[in-house]
Amino acid sequence: MHFTEGKRMANKITQLAVLTLVLSISSVSAVENDVRQLVQFPEMMQQHLISNMRDHLVVINEILLNKCLVYVELFVEWEHGHTKLAR
């Protein structure tokens, strides 16, 4: 991996960290301005909706984890001076 590619990878990791920080800060201010109202569903529908939401969160977490692992793997390869990208 060339130095500029390594620098780009480090920039992407930094951008990811900054984005995470910004999203966590913005979510705090969003809670303060929340004007949503609670809607009551029948119990069976509530359970079905919650189950679907949890399934979706599992998939989102798997996608994010896989993406993070790819970045970590590339960064470690760059740190050790070899990468699959050069092959």
C-alpha atoms as a PDB file:
ATOM      1  CA  MET A   1       0.000   0.000   0.000  1.00  0.00           C
ATOM      2  CA  HIS A   2       1.352   3.392  -0.878  1.00  0.00           C
ATOM      3  CA  PHE A   3       1.710   6.073   1.753  1.00  0.00           C
ATOM      4  CA  THR A   4      -1.154   8.093   0.250  1.00  0.00           C
ATOM      5  CA  GLU A   5      -3.459   5.051   0.412  1.00  0.00           C
ATOM      6  CA  GLY A   6      -2.549   4.553   4.057  1.00  0.00           C
ATOM      7  CA  LYS A   7      -3.195   8.197   4.727  1.00  0.00           C
ATOM      8  CA  ARG A   8      -6.584   7.893   3.012  1.00  0.00           C
ATOM      9  CA  MET A   9      -7.419   4.894   5.199  1.00  0.00           C
ATOM     10  CA  ALA A  10      -6.447   6.800   8.341  1.00  0.00           C
ATOM     11  CA  ASN A  11      -8.633   9.703   7.168  1.00  0.00           C
ATOM     12  CA  LYS A  12     -11.592   7.348   6.675  1.00  0.00           C
ATOM     13  CA  ILE A  13     -11.159   5.952  10.175  1.00  0.00           C
ATOM     14  CA  THR A  14     -10.988   9.498  11.572  1.00  0.00           C
ATOM     15  CA  GLN A  15     -14.097  10.477   9.598  1.00  0.00           C
ATOM     16  CA  LEU A  16     -15.941   7.451  10.970  1.00  0.00           C
ATOM     17  CA  ALA A  17     -15.001   8.425  14.530  1.00  0.00           C
ATOM     18  CA  VAL A  18     -16.115  12.034  13.985  1.00  0.00           C
ATOM     19  CA  LEU A  19     -19.387  10.882  12.394  1.00  0.00           C
ATOM     20  CA  THR A  20     -20.068   8.625  15.377  1.00  0.00           C
ATOM     21  CA  LEU A  21     -19.449  11.523  17.751  1.00  0.00           C
ATOM     22  CA  VAL A  22     -21.669  13.905  15.757  1.00  0.00           C
ATOM     23  CA  LEU A  23     -24.497  11.372  15.569  1.00  0.00           C
ATOM     24  CA  SER A  24     -24.370  10.709  19.295  1.00  0.00           C
ATOM     25  CA  ILE A  25     -24.419  14.450  20.061  1.00  0.00           C
ATOM     26  CA  SER A  26     -27.229  15.153  17.584  1.00  0.00           C
ATOM     27  CA  SER A  27     -29.317  12.315  19.010  1.00  0.00           C
ATOM     28  CA  VAL A  28     -29.172  13.979  22.438  1.00  0.00           C
ATOM     29  CA  SER A  29     -30.487  17.277  21.061  1.00  0.00           C
ATOM     30  CA  ALA A  30     -33.120  15.417  19.017  1.00  0.00           C
ATOM     31  CA  VAL A  31     -34.544  13.942  22.223  1.00  0.00           C
ATOM     32  CA  GLU A  32     -35.065  17.424  23.618  1.00  0.00           C
ATOM     33  CA  ASN A  33     -37.089  18.463  20.540  1.00  0.00           C
ATOM     34  CA  ASP A  34     -39.115  15.245  20.295  1.00  0.00           C
ATOM     35  CA  VAL A  35     -42.779  16.018  19.567  1.00  0.00           C
ATOM     36  CA  ARG A  36     -43.897  12.478  18.771  1.00  0.00           C
ATOM     37  CA  GLN A  37     -47.003  11.074  20.424  1.00  0.00           C
ATOM     38  CA  LEU A  38     -47.472   7.546  21.715  1.00  0.00           C
ATOM     39  CA  VAL A  39     -49.822   5.415  19.622  1.00  0.00           C
ATOM     40  CA  GLN A  40     -51.409   2.443  21.349  1.00  0.00           C
ATOM     41  CA  PHE A  41     -51.438  -0.805  19.328  1.00  0.00           C
ATOM     42  CA  PRO A  42     -53.114  -4.059  20.288  1.00  0.00           C
ATOM     43  CA  GLU A  43     -50.732  -6.279  22.301  1.00  0.00           C
ATOM     44  CA  MET A  44     -50.246  -8.819  19.509  1.00  0.00           C
ATOM     45  CA  MET A  45     -49.374  -6.086  17.012  1.00  0.00           C
ATOM     46  CA  GLN A  46     -46.952  -4.489  19.501  1.00  0.00           C
ATOM     47  CA  GLN A  47     -45.098  -7.766  19.939  1.00  0.00           C
ATOM     48  CA  HIS A  48     -44.926  -8.331  16.178  1.00  0.00           C
ATOM     49  CA  LEU A  49     -43.646  -4.782  15.572  1.00  0.00           C
ATOM     50  CA  ILE A  50     -41.032  -5.041  18.322  1.00  0.00           C
ATOM     51  CA  SER A  51     -39.871  -8.410  16.978  1.00  0.00           C
ATOM     52  CA  ASN A  52     -39.452  -6.962  13.477  1.00  0.00           C
ATOM     53  CA  MET A  53     -37.566  -3.943  14.825  1.00  0.00           C
ATOM     54  CA  ARG A  54     -35.187  -6.171  16.776  1.00  0.00           C
ATOM     55  CA  ASP A  55     -34.569  -8.318  13.698  1.00  0.00           C
ATOM     56  CA  HIS A  56     -33.785  -5.180  11.688  1.00  0.00           C
ATOM     57  CA  LEU A  57     -31.399  -3.921  14.373  1.00  0.00           C
ATOM     58  CA  VAL A  58     -29.549  -7.246  14.346  1.00  0.00           C
ATOM     59  CA  VAL A  59     -29.045  -6.960  10.576  1.00  0.00           C
ATOM     60  CA  ILE A  60     -27.922  -3.319  10.809  1.00  0.00           C
ATOM     61  CA  ASN A  61     -25.459  -4.219  13.576  1.00  0.00           C
ATOM     62  CA  GLU A  62     -24.061  -7.088  11.510  1.00  0.00           C
ATOM     63  CA  ILE A  63     -23.566  -4.796   8.511  1.00  0.00           C
ATOM     64  CA  LEU A  64     -21.842  -2.123  10.614  1.00  0.00           C
ATOM     65  CA  LEU A  65     -19.675  -4.676  12.406  1.00  0.00           C
ATOM     66  CA  ASN A  66     -18.566  -6.241   9.120  1.00  0.00           C
ATOM     67  CA  LYS A  67     -17.729  -2.808   7.699  1.00  0.00           C
ATOM     68  CA  CYS A  68     -15.737  -1.887  10.819  1.00  0.00           C
ATOM     69  CA  LEU A  69     -13.868  -5.198  10.713  1.00  0.00           C
ATOM     70  CA  VAL A  70     -12.877  -4.551   7.094  1.00  0.00           C
ATOM     71  CA  TYR A  71     -11.493  -1.120   8.040  1.00  0.00           C
ATOM     72  CA  VAL A  72      -9.615  -2.566  11.021  1.00  0.00           C
ATOM     73  CA  GLU A  73      -8.176  -5.374   8.881  1.00  0.00           C
ATOM     74  CA  LEU A  74      -7.025  -2.920   6.214  1.00  0.00           C
ATOM     75  CA  PHE A  75      -5.524  -0.620   8.830  1.00  0.00           C
ATOM     76  CA  VAL A  76      -3.619  -3.475  10.494  1.00  0.00           C
ATOM     77  CA  GLU A  77      -2.330  -4.640   7.108  1.00  0.00           C
ATOM     78  CA  TRP A  78      -1.244  -1.092   6.321  1.00  0.00           C
ATOM     79  CA  GLU A  79       0.511  -0.806   9.695  1.00  0.00           C
ATOM     80  CA  HIS A  80       2.446  -3.996   8.947  1.00  0.00           C
ATOM     81  CA  GLY A  81       3.364  -2.829   5.467  1.00  0.00           C
ATOM     82  CA  HIS A  82       1.437  -5.360   3.440  1.00  0.00           C
ATOM     83  CA  THR A  83      -2.076  -5.411   2.100  1.00  0.00           C
ATOM     84  CA  LYS A  84      -4.381  -7.498  -0.039  1.00  0.00           C
ATOM     85  CA  LEU A  85      -5.105  -4.391  -2.091  1.00  0.00           C
ATOM     86  CA  ALA A  86      -1.619  -4.449  -3.643  1.00  0.00           C
ATOM     87  CA  ARG A  87      -2.102  -7.996  -4.973  1.00  0.00           C
END
